[in-house]
Amino acid sequence: MAMAEQQQQIEHSHLAIRGLNLHVAQAGTGELGTVLFLHGFPEIWYSWRHQMLAVAAAGYRAIAPDWRGYGLSDQPPEPEAAVYRDLEEDLLAVLDALSVPKAYLVAKDFGAMPAYDFALRHPNRTCGVMCLGIPFLHGGSSFTAMPEGFYILPCAVQEPGRAEADFGRYDVKRVVRTIYILFSRSEIPTAKEDQEIMDLADLSTPLPEWFTEEDLAVYTSLYEKSGFVYPLQMPYRSLHKRHPIEDPKFEVPVFVVMGEKDYVIKFPGVEAVLKNGTMEKFAPDLKITYIPEGSHFVQEQFPDKVNELLLGFLKDHPVA
């Protein structure tokens, strides 16, 4: 379906949420329930376009906000004060503003962390959680064992302003383009001693075949609006501020979908958690599925497969 046709089926509005105006994309009427989609970085509401239309056609209401500081949503007045709990509270306020009693949470990348926390703290407002690319890591993941050029390190803890200077060498389109190329690979983006992350792909490097110039133009326009000041704070510089919930126990079904070629699997502790049964201790109703050849952007790379899995999850766990 062409982007213009997609846009006609998806409605856009702003909600007054905790002192900010948050942009929300919506589709569907919701006879069977509401699905709240939570994006990661460098994504935006648009990264869920395929899934929104699929669940809307199946009888659900699809809601995809831009996180605070992202895309068409307002910038927080103090981005350096960003904490994950703000995102969780925003989700609760969005559901209240739209008069949604409970919703399925479908999350990606760093969006998975507030989704997991929300489900743990608000099981009465949650039908189930489906997360792509990030399992539930109680206590978080340590990056101390990662190589010096690991992409999160300059973003998060090294040399204040370094990541901003790296991004600032190029226009927004080039930055988004580079990040999508790097994050769609199976290897962890790692710069050499004389490189910055933006040096790892140039304009001669092709986009992933499933990511079009039209898609890039949409992402570019949205990040031109928001910039990267807040996205560098959330998630990267806020990782240490996320406090794990003591003795977590999910009361709702949890579904983790991983691309087999997702570089995140190589993060410390991630593969072990997926395969050694750790997650079952916290999520009694747990399912883990792998998509062959799937990258970190599996919902855009293989939308039909992800839609099939998502609709199956919704059907198997109807709203009580």
C-alpha atoms as a PDB file:
ATOM      1  CA  MET A   1       0.000   0.000   0.000  1.00  0.00           C
ATOM      2  CA  ALA A   2       1.368   3.417  -0.947  1.00  0.00           C
ATOM      3  CA  MET A   3       2.263   5.847   1.806  1.00  0.00           C
ATOM      4  CA  ALA A   4      -0.468   8.284   0.706  1.00  0.00           C
ATOM      5  CA  GLU A   5      -3.108   5.572   1.124  1.00  0.00           C
ATOM      6  CA  GLN A   6      -1.716   4.672   4.549  1.00  0.00           C
ATOM      7  CA  GLN A   7      -1.870   8.286   5.655  1.00  0.00           C
ATOM      8  CA  GLN A   8      -5.547   8.471   4.688  1.00  0.00           C
ATOM      9  CA  GLN A   9      -6.379   5.570   6.999  1.00  0.00           C
ATOM     10  CA  ILE A  10      -4.396   6.898   9.961  1.00  0.00           C
ATOM     11  CA  GLU A  11      -5.652   9.907  11.911  1.00  0.00           C
ATOM     12  CA  HIS A  12      -3.403  12.302  13.779  1.00  0.00           C
ATOM     13  CA  SER A  13      -4.004  14.438  16.834  1.00  0.00           C
ATOM     14  CA  HIS A  14      -2.271  15.938  19.853  1.00  0.00           C
ATOM     15  CA  LEU A  15      -3.135  15.139  23.455  1.00  0.00           C
ATOM     16  CA  ALA A  16      -2.364  17.345  26.457  1.00  0.00           C
ATOM     17  CA  ILE A  17      -0.324  14.902  28.534  1.00  0.00           C
ATOM     18  CA  ARG A  18       1.393  15.935  31.782  1.00  0.00           C
ATOM     19  CA  GLY A  19       2.228  19.446  30.601  1.00  0.00           C
ATOM     20  CA  LEU A  20       3.208  18.460  27.049  1.00  0.00           C
ATOM     21  CA  ASN A  21       1.336  18.024  23.790  1.00  0.00           C
ATOM     22  CA  LEU A  22       2.028  14.494  22.589  1.00  0.00           C
ATOM     23  CA  HIS A  23       1.373  13.499  18.992  1.00  0.00           C
ATOM     24  CA  VAL A  24      -0.762  10.378  18.587  1.00  0.00           C
ATOM     25  CA  ALA A  25      -1.534   8.426  15.416  1.00  0.00           C
ATOM     26  CA  GLN A  26      -4.683   6.287  15.457  1.00  0.00           C
ATOM     27  CA  ALA A  27      -6.541   3.842  13.237  1.00  0.00           C
ATOM     28  CA  GLY A  28      -9.502   1.518  13.698  1.00  0.00           C
ATOM     29  CA  THR A  29     -12.602   1.533  15.854  1.00  0.00           C
ATOM     30  CA  GLY A  30     -11.634  -0.993  18.486  1.00  0.00           C
ATOM     31  CA  GLU A  31     -14.522  -3.444  18.784  1.00  0.00           C
ATOM     32  CA  LEU A  32     -12.068  -6.117  19.935  1.00  0.00           C
ATOM     33  CA  GLY A  33      -9.775  -3.937  22.035  1.00  0.00           C
ATOM     34  CA  THR A  34      -6.998  -1.363  21.860  1.00  0.00           C
ATOM     35  CA  VAL A  35      -3.382  -1.891  20.858  1.00  0.00           C
ATOM     36  CA  LEU A  36      -0.868   0.723  22.007  1.00  0.00           C
ATOM     37  CA  PHE A  37       2.331   0.768  19.911  1.00  0.00           C
ATOM     38  CA  LEU A  38       5.563   2.083  21.465  1.00  0.00           C
ATOM     39  CA  HIS A  39       8.496   2.932  19.219  1.00  0.00           C
ATOM     40  CA  GLY A  40      12.246   2.835  19.801  1.00  0.00           C
ATOM     41  CA  PHE A  41      15.166   4.847  18.374  1.00  0.00           C
ATOM     42  CA  PRO A  42      15.584   6.053  15.652  1.00  0.00           C
ATOM     43  CA  GLU A  43      11.986   5.123  15.098  1.00  0.00           C
ATOM     44  CA  ILE A  44       8.769   7.079  15.454  1.00  0.00           C
ATOM     45  CA  TRP A  45       5.018   6.344  15.230  1.00  0.00           C
ATOM     46  CA  TYR A  46       5.531   5.673  11.500  1.00  0.00           C
ATOM     47  CA  SER A  47       7.580   2.553  12.195  1.00  0.00           C
ATOM     48  CA  TRP A  48       4.316   0.836  13.197  1.00  0.00           C
ATOM     49  CA  ARG A  49       2.415   1.794  10.012  1.00  0.00           C
ATOM     50  CA  HIS A  50       2.095  -1.809   8.801  1.00  0.00           C
ATOM     51  CA  GLN A  51       0.977  -3.168  12.154  1.00  0.00           C
ATOM     52  CA  MET A  52      -1.496  -0.328  12.802  1.00  0.00           C
ATOM     53  CA  LEU A  53      -3.366  -1.016   9.574  1.00  0.00           C
ATOM     54  CA  ALA A  54      -3.361  -4.771  10.195  1.00  0.00           C
ATOM     55  CA  VAL A  55      -4.867  -4.592  13.684  1.00  0.00           C
ATOM     56  CA  ALA A  56      -7.331  -1.902  12.611  1.00  0.00           C
ATOM     57  CA  ALA A  57      -8.554  -4.128   9.765  1.00  0.00           C
ATOM     58  CA  ALA A  58      -8.955  -6.988  12.268  1.00  0.00           C
ATOM     59  CA  GLY A  59     -11.257  -4.951  14.523  1.00  0.00           C
ATOM     60  CA  TYR A  60      -8.874  -3.354  16.996  1.00  0.00           C
ATOM     61  CA  ARG A  61      -8.045   0.267  17.744  1.00  0.00           C
ATOM     62  CA  ALA A  62      -4.414   1.104  17.010  1.00  0.00           C
ATOM     63  CA  ILE A  63      -2.739   3.951  18.904  1.00  0.00           C
ATOM     64  CA  ALA A  64       0.873   4.953  18.234  1.00  0.00           C
ATOM     65  CA  PRO A  65       2.243   7.985  20.075  1.00  0.00           C
ATOM     66  CA  ASP A  66       5.493   9.780  19.443  1.00  0.00           C
ATOM     67  CA  TRP A  67       7.329   9.629  22.756  1.00  0.00           C
ATOM     68  CA  ARG A  68       7.886  12.973  24.442  1.00  0.00           C
ATOM     69  CA  GLY A  69      10.780  14.723  22.709  1.00  0.00           C
ATOM     70  CA  TYR A  70      10.340  12.664  19.536  1.00  0.00           C
ATOM     71  CA  GLY A  71       8.782  13.570  16.197  1.00  0.00           C
ATOM     72  CA  LEU A  72       5.696  15.753  16.457  1.00  0.00           C
ATOM     73  CA  SER A  73       5.476  15.596  20.255  1.00  0.00           C
ATOM     74  CA  ASP A  74       6.619  18.487  22.429  1.00  0.00           C
ATOM     75  CA  GLN A  75      10.128  18.703  23.795  1.00  0.00           C
ATOM     76  CA  PRO A  76      10.410  18.394  27.587  1.00  0.00           C
ATOM     77  CA  PRO A  77      11.727  21.647  29.104  1.00  0.00           C
ATOM     78  CA  GLU A  78      14.666  19.829  30.741  1.00  0.00           C
ATOM     79  CA  PRO A  79      15.716  16.960  28.459  1.00  0.00           C
ATOM     80  CA  GLU A  80      18.710  16.176  30.648  1.00  0.00           C
ATOM     81  CA  ALA A  81      16.258  15.185  33.407  1.00  0.00           C
ATOM     82  CA  ALA A  82      14.744  12.385  31.298  1.00  0.00           C
ATOM     83  CA  VAL A  83      13.790   9.229  33.202  1.00  0.00           C
ATOM     84  CA  TYR A  84      12.007   6.069  32.085  1.00  0.00           C
ATOM     85  CA  ARG A  85       9.276   6.560  34.674  1.00  0.00           C
ATOM     86  CA  ASP A  86       8.151   9.634  32.705  1.00  0.00           C
ATOM     87  CA  LEU A  87       7.390   7.419  29.714  1.00  0.00           C
ATOM     88  CA  GLU A  88       5.452   4.992  31.852  1.00  0.00           C
ATOM     89  CA  GLU A  89       3.390   7.819  33.354  1.00  0.00           C
ATOM     90  CA  ASP A  90       2.801   9.233  29.873  1.00  0.00           C
ATOM     91  CA  LEU A  91       1.339   5.885  28.797  1.00  0.00           C
ATOM     92  CA  LEU A  92      -1.100   5.876  31.684  1.00  0.00           C
ATOM     93  CA  ALA A  93      -2.124   9.459  30.896  1.00  0.00           C
ATOM     94  CA  VAL A  94      -2.612   8.633  27.187  1.00  0.00           C
ATOM     95  CA  LEU A  95      -4.948   5.746  28.055  1.00  0.00           C
ATOM     96  CA  ASP A  96      -6.876   7.973  30.453  1.00  0.00           C
ATOM     97  CA  ALA A  97      -7.121  10.822  27.926  1.00  0.00           C
ATOM     98  CA  LEU A  98      -8.521   8.447  25.295  1.00  0.00           C
ATOM     99  CA  SER A  99     -10.836   6.689  27.795  1.00  0.00           C
ATOM    100  CA  VAL A 100      -9.177   3.332  27.201  1.00  0.00           C
ATOM    101  CA  PRO A 101      -9.646   1.076  30.259  1.00  0.00           C
ATOM    102  CA  LYS A 102      -6.935  -1.405  29.247  1.00  0.00           C
ATOM    103  CA  ALA A 103      -4.742  -2.082  26.221  1.00  0.00           C
ATOM    104  CA  TYR A 104      -2.340  -4.499  24.627  1.00  0.00           C
ATOM    105  CA  LEU A 105       1.189  -3.042  24.623  1.00  0.00           C
ATOM    106  CA  VAL A 106       3.333  -3.684  21.556  1.00  0.00           C
ATOM    107  CA  ALA A 107       6.809  -2.248  21.952  1.00  0.00           C
ATOM    108  CA  LYS A 108      10.150  -2.123  20.203  1.00  0.00           C
ATOM    109  CA  ASP A 109      13.728  -1.371  21.233  1.00  0.00           C
ATOM    110  CA  PHE A 110      13.866   0.959  24.258  1.00  0.00           C
ATOM    111  CA  GLY A 111      10.069   1.214  24.160  1.00  0.00           C
ATOM    112  CA  ALA A 112      10.035  -2.307  25.571  1.00  0.00           C
ATOM    113  CA  MET A 113      11.366  -1.139  28.935  1.00  0.00           C
ATOM    114  CA  PRO A 114       8.492   1.221  29.847  1.00  0.00           C
ATOM    115  CA  ALA A 115       6.108  -1.365  28.376  1.00  0.00           C
ATOM    116  CA  TYR A 116       7.396  -4.083  30.696  1.00  0.00           C
ATOM    117  CA  ASP A 117       7.372  -1.716  33.677  1.00  0.00           C
ATOM    118  CA  PHE A 118       3.865  -0.489  32.888  1.00  0.00           C
ATOM    119  CA  ALA A 119       2.551  -4.046  32.665  1.00  0.00           C
ATOM    120  CA  LEU A 120       4.134  -4.896  36.021  1.00  0.00           C
ATOM    121  CA  ARG A 121       2.798  -1.793  37.787  1.00  0.00           C
ATOM    122  CA  HIS A 122      -0.571  -1.614  36.040  1.00  0.00           C
ATOM    123  CA  PRO A 123      -1.729  -5.162  35.232  1.00  0.00           C
ATOM    124  CA  ASN A 124      -5.346  -4.013  35.480  1.00  0.00           C
ATOM    125  CA  ARG A 125      -4.730  -1.647  32.539  1.00  0.00           C
ATOM    126  CA  THR A 126      -2.803  -4.190  30.460  1.00  0.00           C
ATOM    127  CA  CYS A 127      -4.161  -7.033  28.304  1.00  0.00           C
ATOM    128  CA  GLY A 128      -0.743  -8.378  27.319  1.00  0.00           C
ATOM    129  CA  VAL A 129       2.729  -7.314  26.232  1.00  0.00           C
ATOM    130  CA  MET A 130       4.444  -8.098  22.928  1.00  0.00           C
ATOM    131  CA  CYS A 131       8.001  -6.781  22.650  1.00  0.00           C
ATOM    132  CA  LEU A 132      10.274  -6.858  19.615  1.00  0.00           C
ATOM    133  CA  GLY A 133      14.039  -6.980  19.939  1.00  0.00           C
ATOM    134  CA  ILE A 134      14.312  -6.651  23.735  1.00  0.00           C
ATOM    135  CA  PRO A 135      13.600  -9.428  26.250  1.00  0.00           C
ATOM    136  CA  PHE A 136      12.788  -8.649  29.873  1.00  0.00           C
ATOM    137  CA  LEU A 137      16.166  -8.039  31.524  1.00  0.00           C
ATOM    138  CA  HIS A 138      15.642  -7.787  35.262  1.00  0.00           C
ATOM    139  CA  GLY A 139      18.322  -5.426  36.489  1.00  0.00           C
ATOM    140  CA  GLY A 140      19.223  -4.313  32.961  1.00  0.00           C
ATOM    141  CA  SER A 141      22.131  -5.192  30.695  1.00  0.00           C
ATOM    142  CA  SER A 142      25.735  -4.231  31.393  1.00  0.00           C
ATOM    143  CA  PHE A 143      27.827  -2.684  28.655  1.00  0.00           C
ATOM    144  CA  THR A 144      31.119  -2.803  30.542  1.00  0.00           C
ATOM    145  CA  ALA A 145      32.301  -5.776  28.503  1.00  0.00           C
ATOM    146  CA  MET A 146      31.617  -4.090  25.178  1.00  0.00           C
ATOM    147  CA  PRO A 147      34.488  -2.808  22.987  1.00  0.00           C
ATOM    148  CA  GLU A 148      35.598   0.820  23.246  1.00  0.00           C
ATOM    149  CA  GLY A 149      33.914   1.793  19.987  1.00  0.00           C
ATOM    150  CA  PHE A 150      30.522   0.322  20.930  1.00  0.00           C
ATOM    151  CA  TYR A 151      27.953   2.823  19.646  1.00  0.00           C
ATOM    152  CA  ILE A 152      26.100   3.337  22.946  1.00  0.00           C
ATOM    153  CA  LEU A 153      29.214   4.409  24.829  1.00  0.00           C
ATOM    154  CA  PRO A 154      29.790   7.765  23.092  1.00  0.00           C
ATOM    155  CA  CYS A 155      26.039   8.369  23.115  1.00  0.00           C
ATOM    156  CA  ALA A 156      25.690   7.601  26.803  1.00  0.00           C
ATOM    157  CA  VAL A 157      28.799   8.046  28.902  1.00  0.00           C
ATOM    158  CA  GLN A 158      31.805   9.270  26.966  1.00  0.00           C
ATOM    159  CA  GLU A 159      32.838  12.898  26.448  1.00  0.00           C
ATOM    160  CA  PRO A 160      29.860  15.227  26.821  1.00  0.00           C
ATOM    161  CA  GLY A 161      28.853  16.576  23.429  1.00  0.00           C
ATOM    162  CA  ARG A 162      30.731  13.948  21.433  1.00  0.00           C
ATOM    163  CA  ALA A 163      27.657  12.283  19.969  1.00  0.00           C
ATOM    164  CA  GLU A 164      26.070  15.666  19.260  1.00  0.00           C
ATOM    165  CA  ALA A 165      29.208  16.736  17.402  1.00  0.00           C
ATOM    166  CA  ASP A 166      29.234  13.491  15.424  1.00  0.00           C
ATOM    167  CA  PHE A 167      25.585  13.850  14.400  1.00  0.00           C
ATOM    168  CA  GLY A 168      26.030  17.579  13.797  1.00  0.00           C
ATOM    169  CA  ARG A 169      28.462  17.007  10.923  1.00  0.00           C
ATOM    170  CA  TYR A 170      25.574  15.940   8.700  1.00  0.00           C
ATOM    171  CA  ASP A 171      21.977  16.821   7.992  1.00  0.00           C
ATOM    172  CA  VAL A 172      19.160  14.903   9.654  1.00  0.00           C
ATOM    173  CA  LYS A 173      18.510  12.762   6.589  1.00  0.00           C
ATOM    174  CA  ARG A 174      22.108  11.516   6.552  1.00  0.00           C
ATOM    175  CA  VAL A 175      22.004  10.737  10.271  1.00  0.00           C
ATOM    176  CA  VAL A 176      18.765   8.747  10.100  1.00  0.00           C
ATOM    177  CA  ARG A 177      19.961   6.988   6.960  1.00  0.00           C
ATOM    178  CA  THR A 178      23.212   5.930   8.617  1.00  0.00           C
ATOM    179  CA  ILE A 179      21.545   4.693  11.784  1.00  0.00           C
ATOM    180  CA  TYR A 180      19.022   2.610   9.858  1.00  0.00           C
ATOM    181  CA  ILE A 181      21.819   1.038   7.826  1.00  0.00           C
ATOM    182  CA  LEU A 182      23.965   0.266  10.879  1.00  0.00           C
ATOM    183  CA  PHE A 183      21.169  -1.003  13.117  1.00  0.00           C
ATOM    184  CA  SER A 184      19.800  -3.329  10.422  1.00  0.00           C
ATOM    185  CA  ARG A 185      23.033  -5.338  10.367  1.00  0.00           C
ATOM    186  CA  SER A 186      23.720  -8.423  12.446  1.00  0.00           C
ATOM    187  CA  GLU A 187      26.957  -7.044  13.884  1.00  0.00           C
ATOM    188  CA  ILE A 188      27.001  -4.526  16.731  1.00  0.00           C
ATOM    189  CA  PRO A 189      27.917  -1.057  15.353  1.00  0.00           C
ATOM    190  CA  THR A 190      31.440  -0.433  16.613  1.00  0.00           C
ATOM    191  CA  ALA A 191      33.755   2.380  15.535  1.00  0.00           C
ATOM    192  CA  LYS A 192      37.523   2.093  15.342  1.00  0.00           C
ATOM    193  CA  GLU A 193      39.806   4.353  17.362  1.00  0.00           C
ATOM    194  CA  ASP A 194      39.958   7.018  14.649  1.00  0.00           C
ATOM    195  CA  GLN A 195      36.248   6.831  13.751  1.00  0.00           C
ATOM    196  CA  GLU A 196      32.914   8.087  14.961  1.00  0.00           C
ATOM    197  CA  ILE A 197      29.688   6.154  14.527  1.00  0.00           C
ATOM    198  CA  MET A 198      28.556   8.302  11.597  1.00  0.00           C
ATOM    199  CA  ASP A 199      31.739   7.272   9.744  1.00  0.00           C
ATOM    200  CA  LEU A 200      30.592   3.653   9.504  1.00  0.00           C
ATOM    201  CA  ALA A 201      28.318   4.250   6.480  1.00  0.00           C
ATOM    202  CA  ASP A 202      28.458   6.803   3.682  1.00  0.00           C
ATOM    203  CA  LEU A 203      26.099   7.799   0.893  1.00  0.00           C
ATOM    204  CA  SER A 204      27.370   4.963  -1.283  1.00  0.00           C
ATOM    205  CA  THR A 205      26.115   2.409   1.255  1.00  0.00           C
ATOM    206  CA  PRO A 206      22.675   1.220   0.109  1.00  0.00           C
ATOM    207  CA  LEU A 207      19.625   1.393   2.310  1.00  0.00           C
ATOM    208  CA  PRO A 208      18.133  -1.924   3.414  1.00  0.00           C
ATOM    209  CA  GLU A 209      15.958  -3.203   0.565  1.00  0.00           C
ATOM    210  CA  TRP A 210      12.816  -2.987   2.712  1.00  0.00           C
ATOM    211  CA  PHE A 211      13.427   0.676   3.670  1.00  0.00           C
ATOM    212  CA  THR A 212      12.584   3.058   0.839  1.00  0.00           C
ATOM    213  CA  GLU A 213      13.644   6.600   0.085  1.00  0.00           C
ATOM    214  CA  GLU A 214      10.005   7.503   0.746  1.00  0.00           C
ATOM    215  CA  ASP A 215      10.265   5.979   4.224  1.00  0.00           C
ATOM    216  CA  LEU A 216      13.514   7.842   4.820  1.00  0.00           C
ATOM    217  CA  ALA A 217      11.829  11.107   3.840  1.00  0.00           C
ATOM    218  CA  VAL A 218       9.104  10.574   6.457  1.00  0.00           C
ATOM    219  CA  TYR A 219      11.598   9.828   9.226  1.00  0.00           C
ATOM    220  CA  THR A 220      13.708  12.794   8.175  1.00  0.00           C
ATOM    221  CA  SER A 221      10.795  15.221   8.326  1.00  0.00           C
ATOM    222  CA  LEU A 222       9.848  14.033  11.807  1.00  0.00           C
ATOM    223  CA  TYR A 223      13.386  14.180  13.204  1.00  0.00           C
ATOM    224  CA  GLU A 224      13.887  17.590  11.634  1.00  0.00           C
ATOM    225  CA  LYS A 225      11.012  18.645  13.871  1.00  0.00           C
ATOM    226  CA  SER A 226      12.346  17.086  17.067  1.00  0.00           C
ATOM    227  CA  GLY A 227      16.099  16.949  16.557  1.00  0.00           C
ATOM    228  CA  PHE A 228      18.290  14.552  18.526  1.00  0.00           C
ATOM    229  CA  VAL A 229      18.774  16.360  21.851  1.00  0.00           C
ATOM    230  CA  TYR A 230      16.106  14.390  23.695  1.00  0.00           C
ATOM    231  CA  PRO A 231      16.651  11.095  21.811  1.00  0.00           C
ATOM    232  CA  LEU A 232      20.253  11.097  23.033  1.00  0.00           C
ATOM    233  CA  GLN A 233      19.006  11.540  26.597  1.00  0.00           C
ATOM    234  CA  MET A 234      16.269   8.943  26.210  1.00  0.00           C
ATOM    235  CA  PRO A 235      17.219   6.173  25.973  1.00  0.00           C
ATOM    236  CA  TYR A 236      21.019   6.318  26.076  1.00  0.00           C
ATOM    237  CA  ARG A 237      21.816   8.712  28.913  1.00  0.00           C
ATOM    238  CA  SER A 238      18.906   7.550  31.017  1.00  0.00           C
ATOM    239  CA  LEU A 239      19.750   3.842  31.154  1.00  0.00           C
ATOM    240  CA  HIS A 240      21.316   4.199  34.605  1.00  0.00           C
ATOM    241  CA  LYS A 241      18.182   5.962  35.898  1.00  0.00           C
ATOM    242  CA  ARG A 242      15.873   3.031  35.265  1.00  0.00           C
ATOM    243  CA  HIS A 243      15.322   1.325  38.609  1.00  0.00           C
ATOM    244  CA  PRO A 244      14.271  -2.320  38.375  1.00  0.00           C
ATOM    245  CA  ILE A 245      11.052  -3.369  40.039  1.00  0.00           C
ATOM    246  CA  GLU A 246      11.697  -5.572  43.049  1.00  0.00           C
ATOM    247  CA  ASP A 247      10.488  -9.149  42.705  1.00  0.00           C
ATOM    248  CA  PRO A 248       8.752  -8.602  39.349  1.00  0.00           C
ATOM    249  CA  LYS A 249       5.981 -10.993  38.349  1.00  0.00           C
ATOM    250  CA  PHE A 250       3.932 -10.459  35.211  1.00  0.00           C
ATOM    251  CA  GLU A 251       0.209 -11.093  35.645  1.00  0.00           C
ATOM    252  CA  VAL A 252      -0.403 -10.747  31.895  1.00  0.00           C
ATOM    253  CA  PRO A 253       0.854 -12.768  28.906  1.00  0.00           C
ATOM    254  CA  VAL A 254       4.263 -11.770  27.529  1.00  0.00           C
ATOM    255  CA  PHE A 255       5.373 -12.418  23.945  1.00  0.00           C
ATOM    256  CA  VAL A 256       8.957 -11.715  22.842  1.00  0.00           C
ATOM    257  CA  VAL A 257       9.773 -11.658  19.131  1.00  0.00           C
ATOM    258  CA  MET A 258      13.421 -11.565  18.064  1.00  0.00           C
ATOM    259  CA  GLY A 259      14.970 -11.385  14.639  1.00  0.00           C
ATOM    260  CA  GLU A 260      17.680 -14.023  14.390  1.00  0.00           C
ATOM    261  CA  LYS A 261      19.967 -11.408  12.816  1.00  0.00           C
ATOM    262  CA  ASP A 262      19.209  -8.713  15.397  1.00  0.00           C
ATOM    263  CA  TYR A 263      22.509  -7.355  16.711  1.00  0.00           C
ATOM    264  CA  VAL A 264      20.944  -6.898  20.160  1.00  0.00           C
ATOM    265  CA  ILE A 265      21.155 -10.670  20.681  1.00  0.00           C
ATOM    266  CA  LYS A 266      24.929 -10.128  21.002  1.00  0.00           C
ATOM    267  CA  PHE A 267      24.550  -7.679  23.903  1.00  0.00           C
ATOM    268  CA  PRO A 268      25.839  -9.030  27.231  1.00  0.00           C
ATOM    269  CA  GLY A 269      23.284 -11.283  28.860  1.00  0.00           C
ATOM    270  CA  VAL A 270      20.600 -11.051  26.172  1.00  0.00           C
ATOM    271  CA  GLU A 271      21.004 -14.446  24.508  1.00  0.00           C
ATOM    272  CA  ALA A 272      21.306 -16.154  27.875  1.00  0.00           C
ATOM    273  CA  VAL A 273      18.065 -14.632  29.127  1.00  0.00           C
ATOM    274  CA  LEU A 274      16.287 -15.746  25.967  1.00  0.00           C
ATOM    275  CA  LYS A 275      17.491 -19.342  26.186  1.00  0.00           C
ATOM    276  CA  ASN A 276      18.174 -20.276  29.813  1.00  0.00           C
ATOM    277  CA  GLY A 277      14.660 -19.966  31.188  1.00  0.00           C
ATOM    278  CA  THR A 278      15.290 -16.810  33.220  1.00  0.00           C
ATOM    279  CA  MET A 279      12.308 -14.948  31.807  1.00  0.00           C
ATOM    280  CA  GLU A 280       9.913 -17.725  32.817  1.00  0.00           C
ATOM    281  CA  LYS A 281      10.684 -16.923  36.460  1.00  0.00           C
ATOM    282  CA  PHE A 282       9.117 -13.497  35.975  1.00  0.00           C
ATOM    283  CA  ALA A 283       6.570 -14.227  33.236  1.00  0.00           C
ATOM    284  CA  PRO A 284       4.634 -17.457  33.798  1.00  0.00           C
ATOM    285  CA  ASP A 285       2.662 -16.953  30.571  1.00  0.00           C
ATOM    286  CA  LEU A 286       5.606 -16.439  28.207  1.00  0.00           C
ATOM    287  CA  LYS A 287       6.248 -17.135  24.548  1.00  0.00           C
ATOM    288  CA  ILE A 288       9.490 -16.421  22.649  1.00  0.00           C
ATOM    289  CA  THR A 289       9.625 -16.578  18.853  1.00  0.00           C
ATOM    290  CA  TYR A 290      12.485 -15.990  16.412  1.00  0.00           C
ATOM    291  CA  ILE A 291      12.092 -14.710  12.862  1.00  0.00           C
ATOM    292  CA  PRO A 292      14.783 -16.100  10.522  1.00  0.00           C
ATOM    293  CA  GLU A 293      16.842 -13.370   8.856  1.00  0.00           C
ATOM    294  CA  GLY A 294      15.030 -10.772  10.951  1.00  0.00           C
ATOM    295  CA  SER A 295      17.009  -7.649  11.833  1.00  0.00           C
ATOM    296  CA  HIS A 296      16.518  -5.110  14.611  1.00  0.00           C
ATOM    297  CA  PHE A 297      13.767  -3.523  12.472  1.00  0.00           C
ATOM    298  CA  VAL A 298      11.886  -6.756  11.970  1.00  0.00           C
ATOM    299  CA  GLN A 299       8.422  -5.143  11.989  1.00  0.00           C
ATOM    300  CA  GLU A 300       9.372  -3.070   8.939  1.00  0.00           C
ATOM    301  CA  GLN A 301      11.527  -5.729   7.313  1.00  0.00           C
ATOM    302  CA  PHE A 302       8.972  -8.544   7.572  1.00  0.00           C
ATOM    303  CA  PRO A 303       5.663  -6.784   8.266  1.00  0.00           C
ATOM    304  CA  ASP A 304       3.467  -9.669   7.117  1.00  0.00           C
ATOM    305  CA  LYS A 305       5.178 -12.124   9.460  1.00  0.00           C
ATOM    306  CA  VAL A 306       5.074  -9.739  12.417  1.00  0.00           C
ATOM    307  CA  ASN A 307       1.427  -8.937  11.691  1.00  0.00           C
ATOM    308  CA  GLU A 308       0.621 -12.657  11.658  1.00  0.00           C
ATOM    309  CA  LEU A 309       2.322 -13.140  15.026  1.00  0.00           C
ATOM    310  CA  LEU A 310       0.701 -10.038  16.496  1.00  0.00           C
ATOM    311  CA  LEU A 311      -2.818 -10.922  15.369  1.00  0.00           C
ATOM    312  CA  GLY A 312      -2.336 -14.451  16.680  1.00  0.00           C
ATOM    313  CA  PHE A 313      -1.271 -13.069  20.062  1.00  0.00           C
ATOM    314  CA  LEU A 314      -4.298 -10.774  20.219  1.00  0.00           C
ATOM    315  CA  LYS A 315      -6.676 -13.566  19.213  1.00  0.00           C
ATOM    316  CA  ASP A 316      -5.222 -15.977  21.774  1.00  0.00           C
ATOM    317  CA  HIS A 317      -5.616 -13.421  24.579  1.00  0.00           C
ATOM    318  CA  PRO A 318      -8.978 -11.666  24.129  1.00  0.00           C
ATOM    319  CA  VAL A 319      -9.863  -8.730  26.350  1.00  0.00           C
ATOM    320  CA  ALA A 320     -11.324 -10.044  29.577  1.00  0.00           C
END
